[in-house]
Protein backbone atom coordinates (compact mmCIF):
# COMPACT_ATOMS: atom_id res chain seq x y z
CA MET A 1 60.81 -34.30 -42.90
CA ARG A 2 62.58 -37.29 -43.48
CA PHE A 3 66.36 -38.50 -44.55
CA SER A 4 67.12 -41.16 -47.86
CA LYS A 5 69.13 -44.16 -45.69
CA ASN A 6 70.68 -43.64 -48.70
CA PHE A 7 72.07 -40.13 -46.63
CA ILE A 8 75.27 -39.91 -45.75
CA PHE A 9 75.32 -37.81 -42.43
CA GLY A 10 78.74 -37.71 -40.65
CA THR A 11 81.55 -35.36 -38.54
CA ALA A 12 84.20 -33.84 -40.35
CA THR A 13 88.13 -32.64 -38.53
CA SER A 14 91.42 -31.97 -40.00
CA SER A 15 95.10 -33.58 -39.26
CA TYR A 16 96.74 -29.96 -37.90
CA GLN A 17 93.54 -29.56 -36.20
CA ILE A 18 93.54 -32.68 -33.75
CA GLU A 19 96.16 -34.41 -34.09
CA GLY A 20 98.95 -33.12 -32.04
CA ALA A 21 102.50 -35.16 -31.40
CA TYR A 22 103.90 -33.13 -34.47
CA GLN A 23 107.33 -34.62 -33.56
CA GLU A 24 106.33 -38.29 -34.13
CA ASP A 25 106.94 -40.88 -35.80
CA GLY A 26 109.66 -39.32 -38.34
CA ARG A 27 106.64 -36.24 -38.73
CA SER A 28 108.18 -33.19 -40.13
CA LEU A 29 107.06 -29.27 -39.39
CA SER A 30 104.07 -28.21 -41.50
CA ILE A 31 104.17 -24.45 -42.70
CA TRP A 32 101.35 -24.27 -40.01
CA ASP A 33 104.21 -25.35 -36.94
CA THR A 34 106.67 -22.26 -38.29
CA PHE A 35 103.64 -20.73 -39.03
CA SER A 36 102.17 -20.72 -35.25
CA ARG A 37 105.24 -20.28 -33.51
CA THR A 38 105.14 -16.63 -35.67
CA PRO A 39 104.15 -13.64 -32.69
CA GLY A 40 100.92 -11.80 -34.03
CA LYS A 41 99.95 -13.98 -35.72
CA VAL A 42 97.60 -16.55 -34.32
CA ILE A 43 96.10 -15.86 -31.09
CA ASN A 44 98.06 -15.79 -28.14
CA MET A 45 101.70 -17.36 -30.19
CA ASP A 46 98.95 -21.00 -29.97
CA ASN A 47 99.55 -24.65 -31.96
CA GLY A 48 99.13 -27.22 -32.86
CA ASP A 49 102.00 -29.57 -30.35
CA ILE A 50 99.13 -31.35 -28.84
CA ALA A 51 95.45 -30.22 -29.66
CA CYS A 52 93.16 -32.87 -29.14
CA ASP A 53 96.03 -35.21 -29.19
CA HIS A 54 93.85 -37.43 -31.20
CA TYR A 55 97.56 -38.85 -32.47
CA HIS A 56 97.34 -41.19 -29.49
CA LEU A 57 93.42 -40.44 -28.88
CA TYR A 58 92.36 -41.63 -31.00
CA GLU A 59 90.32 -45.20 -29.87
CA LYS A 60 88.15 -42.52 -27.36
CA ASP A 61 88.02 -40.26 -30.45
CA ILE A 62 85.65 -43.00 -32.29
CA GLU A 63 84.02 -44.23 -29.63
CA ILE A 64 82.29 -39.99 -29.18
CA LEU A 65 81.25 -40.95 -33.13
CA LYS A 66 80.03 -44.32 -32.34
CA THR A 67 78.00 -42.38 -29.58
CA LEU A 68 76.80 -40.35 -32.29
CA GLY A 69 75.75 -43.04 -35.07
CA VAL A 70 77.21 -41.41 -37.08
CA ASP A 71 77.68 -42.66 -40.95
CA SER A 72 81.02 -41.65 -41.79
CA TYR A 73 84.13 -39.79 -41.45
CA ARG A 74 85.78 -36.80 -43.16
CA PHE A 75 88.85 -36.37 -42.15
CA SER A 76 92.56 -34.58 -43.16
CA ILE A 77 95.82 -36.55 -43.63
CA ALA A 78 99.09 -35.31 -42.64
CA TRP A 79 101.33 -34.99 -45.29
CA PRO A 80 104.75 -34.06 -43.43
CA ARG A 81 104.00 -37.34 -41.70
CA ILE A 82 103.32 -39.01 -45.12
CA PHE A 83 106.87 -37.64 -47.28
CA PRO A 84 108.56 -35.07 -44.32
CA GLU A 85 111.32 -35.15 -46.86
CA GLN A 86 111.31 -34.69 -49.95
CA GLY A 87 110.90 -37.55 -52.09
CA LYS A 88 111.77 -39.64 -48.41
CA TYR A 89 107.96 -41.69 -47.88
CA ASN A 90 107.63 -42.80 -44.78
CA GLU A 91 105.53 -46.02 -44.09
CA ALA A 92 104.97 -44.90 -39.91
CA GLY A 93 103.35 -41.53 -40.85
CA MET A 94 101.32 -43.70 -42.67
CA ASP A 95 99.98 -46.47 -40.04
CA PHE A 96 98.40 -44.28 -37.73
CA TYR A 97 95.34 -43.75 -40.90
CA LYS A 98 96.35 -47.46 -41.51
CA ASN A 99 94.37 -48.03 -37.60
CA LEU A 100 92.41 -45.53 -37.99
CA ILE A 101 91.17 -46.68 -40.71
CA LYS A 102 90.58 -49.37 -39.69
CA ARG A 103 89.22 -49.11 -36.67
CA LEU A 104 86.40 -46.84 -38.13
CA ILE A 105 85.22 -49.91 -40.58
CA GLU A 106 85.23 -52.33 -37.88
CA ASN A 107 82.91 -49.82 -35.96
CA GLY A 108 80.62 -49.30 -39.41
CA ILE A 109 81.86 -46.20 -40.58
CA LYS A 110 83.03 -44.87 -43.71
CA PRO A 111 86.12 -42.95 -43.59
CA ALA A 112 85.70 -39.97 -46.02
CA VAL A 113 89.52 -39.15 -46.52
CA THR A 114 90.73 -35.27 -47.58
CA LEU A 115 94.73 -35.44 -49.18
CA TYR A 116 95.15 -31.59 -48.37
CA HIS A 117 93.92 -29.25 -45.95
CA TRP A 118 96.76 -26.83 -45.68
CA ASP A 119 100.03 -28.41 -43.95
CA LEU A 120 102.34 -27.96 -46.07
CA PRO A 121 105.39 -29.46 -44.97
CA MET A 122 108.48 -26.86 -45.37
CA TRP A 123 110.73 -28.24 -47.24
CA ALA A 124 107.99 -27.63 -49.91
CA HIS A 125 107.59 -24.72 -49.31
CA GLU A 126 111.10 -23.38 -48.31
CA GLN A 127 110.63 -24.12 -52.49
CA GLY A 128 108.60 -21.61 -53.39
CA GLY A 129 105.19 -23.84 -52.18
CA TRP A 130 102.90 -23.99 -53.63
CA THR A 131 103.91 -19.99 -55.27
CA ASN A 132 106.46 -23.56 -57.64
CA ARG A 133 104.97 -25.39 -60.66
CA GLU A 134 107.22 -27.91 -59.54
CA SER A 135 103.64 -28.54 -56.78
CA VAL A 136 101.73 -29.84 -58.48
CA ASN A 137 104.19 -33.31 -58.53
CA TRP A 138 105.29 -32.96 -55.10
CA PHE A 139 101.88 -33.44 -54.38
CA ILE A 140 100.82 -36.27 -56.77
CA GLU A 141 103.63 -38.11 -55.14
CA TYR A 142 101.84 -37.19 -52.24
CA ALA A 143 98.74 -38.42 -53.23
CA GLU A 144 99.34 -41.29 -55.21
CA LYS A 145 101.39 -42.88 -51.72
CA CYS A 146 97.70 -42.14 -50.19
CA PHE A 147 95.92 -44.09 -53.13
CA GLU A 148 98.42 -47.00 -52.90
CA GLU A 149 98.04 -47.74 -49.36
CA LEU A 150 94.89 -46.43 -48.93
CA ASP A 151 92.51 -46.09 -51.60
CA ASP A 152 90.72 -49.95 -51.04
CA GLN A 153 90.05 -49.04 -47.54
CA VAL A 154 88.58 -45.34 -48.46
CA ASP A 155 84.38 -44.52 -48.98
CA MET A 156 85.93 -41.47 -50.63
CA TRP A 157 88.38 -39.16 -50.99
CA ILE A 158 88.17 -35.28 -51.65
CA THR A 159 92.00 -33.44 -53.23
CA HIS A 160 91.87 -30.21 -51.49
CA ASN A 161 90.37 -28.46 -48.67
CA GLU A 162 89.40 -25.21 -49.46
CA PRO A 163 91.68 -23.98 -51.68
CA TRP A 164 90.28 -20.66 -51.62
CA CYS A 165 91.51 -19.71 -47.51
CA ALA A 166 94.99 -22.25 -48.76
CA GLY A 167 95.40 -19.90 -51.84
CA PHE A 168 94.15 -16.32 -51.01
CA LEU A 169 93.91 -16.05 -47.04
CA GLY A 170 98.01 -17.07 -47.31
CA TYR A 171 99.67 -15.73 -50.11
CA HIS A 172 97.34 -12.71 -50.34
CA GLN A 173 95.99 -11.72 -47.18
CA GLY A 174 98.06 -13.28 -44.60
CA ILE A 175 96.22 -14.22 -42.43
CA HIS A 176 97.12 -18.78 -42.28
CA ALA A 177 100.16 -19.98 -43.37
CA PRO A 178 102.73 -18.68 -44.06
CA GLY A 179 101.73 -15.56 -44.42
CA HIS A 180 101.92 -14.36 -47.27
CA THR A 181 100.20 -10.76 -49.12
CA ASN A 182 101.01 -10.79 -52.83
CA MET A 183 98.37 -11.20 -54.93
CA ASP A 184 100.35 -13.01 -57.60
CA GLU A 185 101.40 -15.26 -55.48
CA ALA A 186 98.18 -16.18 -54.12
CA LEU A 187 96.93 -16.62 -57.59
CA LYS A 188 99.84 -18.88 -58.68
CA ALA A 189 98.79 -20.31 -55.57
CA VAL A 190 95.71 -21.29 -56.64
CA HIS A 191 96.02 -22.32 -59.86
CA HIS A 192 99.14 -24.99 -58.87
CA ILE A 193 96.37 -26.30 -56.05
CA LEU A 194 93.67 -26.78 -58.35
CA LEU A 195 95.45 -28.18 -61.24
CA SER A 196 96.79 -30.80 -59.19
CA HIS A 197 93.43 -31.54 -57.98
CA GLY A 198 92.99 -32.42 -61.32
CA GLU A 199 96.18 -34.08 -61.77
CA ALA A 200 95.83 -36.18 -59.04
CA VAL A 201 91.12 -37.35 -60.01
CA GLU A 202 92.99 -38.64 -62.83
CA LEU A 203 96.24 -40.23 -61.11
CA LEU A 204 93.54 -42.45 -59.53
CA LYS A 205 90.67 -42.84 -62.79
CA ARG A 206 93.49 -44.26 -65.19
CA LYS A 207 96.27 -45.63 -63.13
CA PHE A 208 94.46 -46.31 -60.67
CA ALA A 209 91.16 -47.75 -62.69
CA SER A 210 89.28 -46.72 -58.53
CA ALA A 211 85.27 -46.38 -58.47
CA THR A 212 86.03 -45.21 -55.17
CA PRO A 213 84.77 -41.13 -55.79
CA ILE A 214 86.26 -38.47 -55.62
CA GLY A 215 86.41 -35.24 -55.91
CA ILE A 216 87.17 -30.61 -54.34
CA THR A 217 85.69 -29.23 -51.28
CA LEU A 218 84.57 -25.36 -52.50
CA ASN A 219 84.01 -22.94 -48.81
CA LEU A 220 81.63 -20.92 -50.35
CA SER A 221 79.69 -17.42 -49.19
CA PRO A 222 76.55 -16.46 -51.87
CA MET A 223 77.38 -12.72 -52.41
CA TYR A 224 74.82 -10.38 -51.33
CA PRO A 225 74.86 -6.60 -51.67
CA ALA A 226 73.55 -4.49 -49.52
CA SER A 227 71.62 -2.06 -51.51
CA SER A 228 69.98 -2.08 -54.99
CA SER A 229 72.41 1.00 -56.25
CA ALA A 230 74.68 0.28 -58.95
CA ASN A 231 77.31 0.58 -56.97
CA ASP A 232 76.62 -2.11 -54.45
CA GLN A 233 76.03 -4.65 -57.81
CA LEU A 234 79.55 -4.08 -58.34
CA ALA A 235 80.68 -4.82 -55.42
CA ALA A 236 78.86 -8.08 -54.62
CA ASN A 237 80.05 -8.68 -58.25
CA ASN A 238 83.25 -8.47 -57.23
CA ALA A 239 82.91 -9.91 -53.66
CA ASP A 240 81.29 -13.28 -55.75
CA GLY A 241 84.23 -13.05 -58.20
CA TYR A 242 86.70 -13.13 -55.43
CA SER A 243 85.38 -15.38 -52.94
CA ASN A 244 83.07 -18.52 -55.51
CA ARG A 245 83.98 -17.47 -58.98
CA TRP A 246 87.72 -17.53 -59.41
CA PHE A 247 87.34 -21.39 -57.79
CA LEU A 248 83.57 -22.90 -59.40
CA ASP A 249 84.71 -21.60 -63.15
CA PRO A 250 88.04 -23.66 -63.57
CA VAL A 251 86.87 -26.60 -61.75
CA LEU A 252 82.60 -27.30 -63.25
CA LYS A 253 83.54 -25.10 -66.80
CA GLY A 254 87.76 -25.01 -67.87
CA SER A 255 87.44 -21.30 -67.45
CA TYR A 256 88.87 -18.36 -65.29
CA PRO A 257 86.21 -15.41 -65.34
CA ALA A 258 87.07 -12.94 -67.19
CA ASP A 259 85.73 -9.97 -65.38
CA MET A 260 88.00 -10.90 -62.92
CA MET A 261 91.29 -11.55 -64.83
CA ASN A 262 91.04 -8.19 -65.27
CA LEU A 263 90.45 -6.56 -61.80
CA PHE A 264 93.07 -8.76 -60.86
CA SER A 265 95.52 -7.99 -64.06
CA LYS A 266 96.41 -3.91 -61.84
CA TYR A 267 98.71 -7.11 -59.47
CA VAL A 268 99.49 -9.81 -61.70
CA HIS A 269 103.08 -9.48 -64.10
CA SER A 270 101.91 -11.94 -65.92
CA TYR A 271 99.22 -15.02 -66.79
CA ASP A 272 101.65 -17.23 -68.22
CA PHE A 273 101.34 -19.68 -65.43
CA ILE A 274 97.89 -20.64 -67.22
CA GLN A 275 99.84 -22.71 -69.31
CA GLU A 276 98.05 -24.70 -71.96
CA GLY A 277 95.85 -27.56 -71.60
CA ASP A 278 95.72 -26.63 -67.82
CA LEU A 279 92.53 -25.58 -67.97
CA GLU A 280 91.49 -28.83 -69.10
CA ARG A 281 93.01 -30.77 -66.39
CA ILE A 282 92.39 -28.42 -63.18
CA SER A 283 87.97 -29.25 -65.08
CA ILE A 284 87.64 -32.83 -65.01
CA ALA A 285 84.81 -34.75 -63.99
CA CYS A 286 84.93 -36.24 -60.61
CA ASP A 287 82.32 -37.76 -59.25
CA LEU A 288 81.08 -35.24 -56.20
CA PHE A 289 81.28 -32.06 -55.34
CA GLY A 290 82.24 -31.11 -51.48
CA ILE A 291 81.20 -27.48 -50.32
CA ASN A 292 81.90 -26.22 -46.64
CA PHE A 293 79.15 -23.88 -45.76
CA TYR A 294 79.21 -21.00 -42.52
CA SER A 295 77.42 -18.26 -43.89
CA ARG A 296 76.56 -15.42 -46.36
CA GLY A 297 78.42 -12.51 -47.98
CA TYR A 298 76.70 -8.58 -47.75
CA VAL A 299 78.61 -5.82 -48.69
CA GLU A 300 78.89 -2.47 -50.33
CA PHE A 301 81.27 -0.75 -52.56
CA ASN A 302 84.19 0.40 -51.06
CA ALA A 303 86.43 2.81 -53.53
CA ALA A 304 89.69 2.75 -52.01
CA SER A 305 90.15 -0.82 -51.44
CA ASP A 306 91.93 -3.83 -53.99
CA PHE A 307 89.00 -4.95 -55.38
CA LEU A 308 85.66 -2.59 -54.92
CA TYR A 309 84.34 -4.14 -51.62
CA LYS A 310 83.84 -4.02 -48.25
CA ASN A 311 81.40 -6.69 -45.62
CA ALA A 312 78.49 -3.37 -44.50
CA TYR A 313 76.70 -4.15 -41.70
CA SER A 314 73.81 -6.28 -41.06
CA ASP A 315 71.22 -6.95 -38.43
CA TYR A 316 70.96 -11.00 -38.74
CA PRO A 317 71.59 -12.91 -35.76
CA LYS A 318 75.49 -13.45 -36.03
CA THR A 319 78.11 -16.70 -34.64
CA GLY A 320 80.94 -16.22 -32.09
CA MET A 321 83.05 -15.83 -35.19
CA GLY A 322 81.09 -11.94 -36.22
CA TRP A 323 79.75 -14.74 -39.10
CA ASP A 324 75.68 -14.34 -40.77
CA ILE A 325 73.32 -16.78 -39.26
CA SER A 326 71.54 -17.72 -42.63
CA PRO A 327 70.02 -20.76 -44.18
CA ALA A 328 67.99 -19.09 -46.28
CA GLU A 329 70.49 -18.12 -48.28
CA PHE A 330 72.20 -21.49 -48.06
CA LYS A 331 69.32 -23.03 -50.01
CA ASP A 332 69.83 -19.64 -52.40
CA LEU A 333 73.92 -20.72 -53.12
CA ILE A 334 72.60 -24.29 -53.63
CA ARG A 335 69.41 -23.12 -56.15
CA ARG A 336 72.92 -21.79 -58.63
CA LEU A 337 74.53 -24.14 -58.08
CA ARG A 338 72.05 -26.82 -59.66
CA LYS A 339 71.00 -24.10 -62.27
CA GLU A 340 74.74 -22.17 -63.15
CA TYR A 341 77.35 -25.72 -62.49
CA THR A 342 76.50 -28.83 -62.06
CA LYS A 343 74.78 -31.78 -62.01
CA LEU A 344 76.80 -33.87 -60.03
CA PRO A 345 75.73 -35.67 -56.24
CA ILE A 346 76.54 -32.26 -52.96
CA TYR A 347 78.33 -33.69 -49.53
CA ILE A 348 77.97 -30.68 -47.39
CA THR A 349 81.81 -31.40 -45.80
CA GLU A 350 81.56 -29.04 -43.16
CA ASN A 351 78.82 -26.91 -41.81
CA GLY A 352 78.42 -25.77 -37.74
CA ALA A 353 79.06 -22.97 -35.71
CA ALA A 354 81.13 -20.99 -33.49
CA PHE A 355 79.90 -20.08 -30.51
CA GLU A 356 81.56 -19.50 -26.18
CA ASP A 357 80.80 -23.23 -24.07
CA GLN A 358 80.86 -22.83 -20.39
CA VAL A 359 81.01 -26.54 -19.08
CA SER A 360 78.21 -26.66 -16.26
CA GLU A 361 78.78 -27.87 -12.47
CA ASP A 362 77.50 -31.56 -13.68
CA ASN A 363 80.04 -31.22 -16.76
CA HIS A 364 77.21 -31.45 -19.26
CA VAL A 365 78.06 -28.20 -21.77
CA HIS A 366 74.15 -26.79 -23.25
CA ASP A 367 74.68 -25.45 -26.10
CA PRO A 368 71.21 -24.17 -27.69
CA ASP A 369 73.27 -21.08 -30.64
CA ARG A 370 74.50 -24.66 -31.99
CA GLN A 371 72.14 -26.44 -31.80
CA ASP A 372 69.64 -24.31 -33.07
CA TYR A 373 72.31 -23.29 -36.18
CA ILE A 374 72.65 -27.20 -36.82
CA GLU A 375 68.73 -28.10 -36.83
CA LYS A 376 68.29 -24.95 -39.33
CA HIS A 377 70.88 -26.02 -41.31
CA ILE A 378 69.56 -29.25 -41.41
CA GLN A 379 66.34 -28.20 -42.30
CA ALA A 380 67.47 -26.53 -45.26
CA VAL A 381 69.05 -29.91 -46.64
CA ALA A 382 66.08 -31.38 -46.31
CA GLU A 383 63.76 -28.79 -47.48
CA LEU A 384 66.68 -28.79 -50.85
CA ASN A 385 66.13 -32.12 -51.04
CA GLU A 386 62.81 -32.36 -51.65
CA GLU A 387 63.52 -30.10 -54.32
CA GLY A 388 65.49 -32.73 -56.60
CA MET A 389 68.73 -30.77 -54.95
CA ASN A 390 69.72 -34.14 -54.74
CA ILE A 391 72.05 -33.43 -51.70
CA ALA A 392 73.72 -36.84 -50.61
CA GLY A 393 75.31 -36.20 -47.31
CA TYR A 394 76.03 -33.44 -44.13
CA TYR A 395 79.59 -33.28 -42.14
CA LEU A 396 79.45 -31.42 -38.85
CA TRP A 397 81.75 -28.96 -38.71
CA SER A 398 83.73 -30.16 -36.05
CA LEU A 399 83.95 -33.66 -33.94
CA LEU A 400 86.07 -31.77 -31.58
CA ASP A 401 86.56 -28.61 -30.31
CA ASN A 402 90.08 -27.79 -31.99
CA PHE A 403 93.00 -25.72 -32.78
CA GLU A 404 90.87 -22.32 -34.38
CA TRP A 405 93.45 -21.24 -37.08
CA ALA A 406 94.78 -18.09 -36.06
CA PHE A 407 92.14 -18.16 -33.90
CA GLY A 408 93.97 -20.57 -31.57
CA TYR A 409 92.14 -22.26 -28.93
CA GLU A 410 89.55 -19.49 -27.97
CA LYS A 411 86.82 -19.94 -30.65
CA ARG A 412 85.11 -23.36 -30.04
CA PHE A 413 83.05 -25.36 -33.18
CA GLY A 414 82.55 -28.94 -31.74
CA ILE A 415 79.61 -30.77 -30.84
CA THR A 416 81.93 -32.86 -27.78
CA TYR A 417 83.80 -30.02 -25.94
CA VAL A 418 87.67 -30.27 -24.85
CA ASP A 419 89.68 -29.63 -21.88
CA PHE A 420 93.39 -28.53 -24.06
CA GLU A 421 94.73 -29.68 -20.40
CA THR A 422 93.05 -32.17 -19.55
CA GLN A 423 91.97 -33.79 -23.01
CA GLU A 424 88.65 -34.93 -21.03
CA ARG A 425 86.08 -34.45 -24.52
CA VAL A 426 81.99 -33.85 -22.82
CA LEU A 427 79.54 -34.07 -25.62
CA LYS A 428 77.45 -31.71 -25.70
CA ASP A 429 73.98 -31.15 -26.15
CA SER A 430 74.29 -30.22 -29.50
CA GLY A 431 76.05 -33.80 -30.24
CA TYR A 432 73.36 -35.31 -28.50
CA ARG A 433 70.15 -33.61 -30.52
CA TYR A 434 73.02 -34.46 -34.32
CA ALA A 435 72.77 -38.05 -32.55
CA GLU A 436 69.75 -37.97 -32.44
CA ILE A 437 68.70 -36.99 -35.68
CA ILE A 438 70.96 -39.25 -37.15
CA LYS A 439 69.09 -42.02 -35.29
CA GLU A 440 65.40 -40.71 -36.30
CA ARG A 441 66.49 -39.90 -40.26
CA SER A 442 64.41 -36.68 -39.83
CA ILE A 443 64.56 -33.35 -38.50
């Protein structure tokens, strides 16, 4: 199956996961610098102080992008590099991204830029972080500077990456920074993140009158009940509400799902943080819709859990994260989005898999499971486009093995193997296969 010449093939990374240089050129600390230094939060007390040292080795990483032949590279900007203190712009931090973008363009690679991939500055966190409505203004000040300095060079903007993770993993489940476990806080954080998305889109379109496409990226997992029982159906509905609809509905329909508002109200003191006009701003018209897809969800009823569901046993083959490999369900998800939510061009802004990787004696990394995972999902994209689903691009996660959040350096998602001691990079078999698919524009 062939891909059109306009289809975008790319790879994706994020600032905290690869850059390192955590104290260089005026960068201040982010919530992840602090969280990863808190005992018990990250495996092995790993942190992003050095990570892939991309800050110093970005030229080498661009060479890998050239080898792959990608059309585009998606990366994120580290907010604490741009505003290390409240209201204090740091030109040296911006220079890194200007140089990176310049080199990408010189090599014929389109920069796709994410403004927020979870590295909130500590100065913002100390004032309540995303639970404070002022965070919307802080984000807009940051976004404005990025637009001002970079918009004429950027091919596509993503305002936020996975608000579900930043909001619910960060403030409800406590698995991600800042590590809070408070549903009331989580709903406020999500609301302010989504509101800041809408305000940033408005800013780019109105003040800058920019033609650069902009949108948001949501991580979505279609939810399936373990049986046809009424209880399991309810479990799947609630899991879908928590994981998907709480984000899809405000962004694409201008409302929060009422069933989930009822379910959450046991933990929420008041919904008055949702002010008049907020939902209109959150649901502002965008140019594209980003989706990160890794796996489906499979759930059963559980009366003891907050939202009446838990993960059920599944006999699907799994990735190294224990996630079901589910390309058919990925297709279900896209069809549902087209039917219920949006006509916007869809970009798969992340898709990939972690597996155990070994470097062979002759310095190769054979990763047949990852190669198979990637092929199956790219095949699914091709089939969806045959159905007229308008998937405009696919960004493989990730260009490099990197800091995998709470899992530290234990989980490897890269199509490039990174030796974190020596910073040597070795393109894996899956990387060579991806380059082949891109070159042939067919699967």
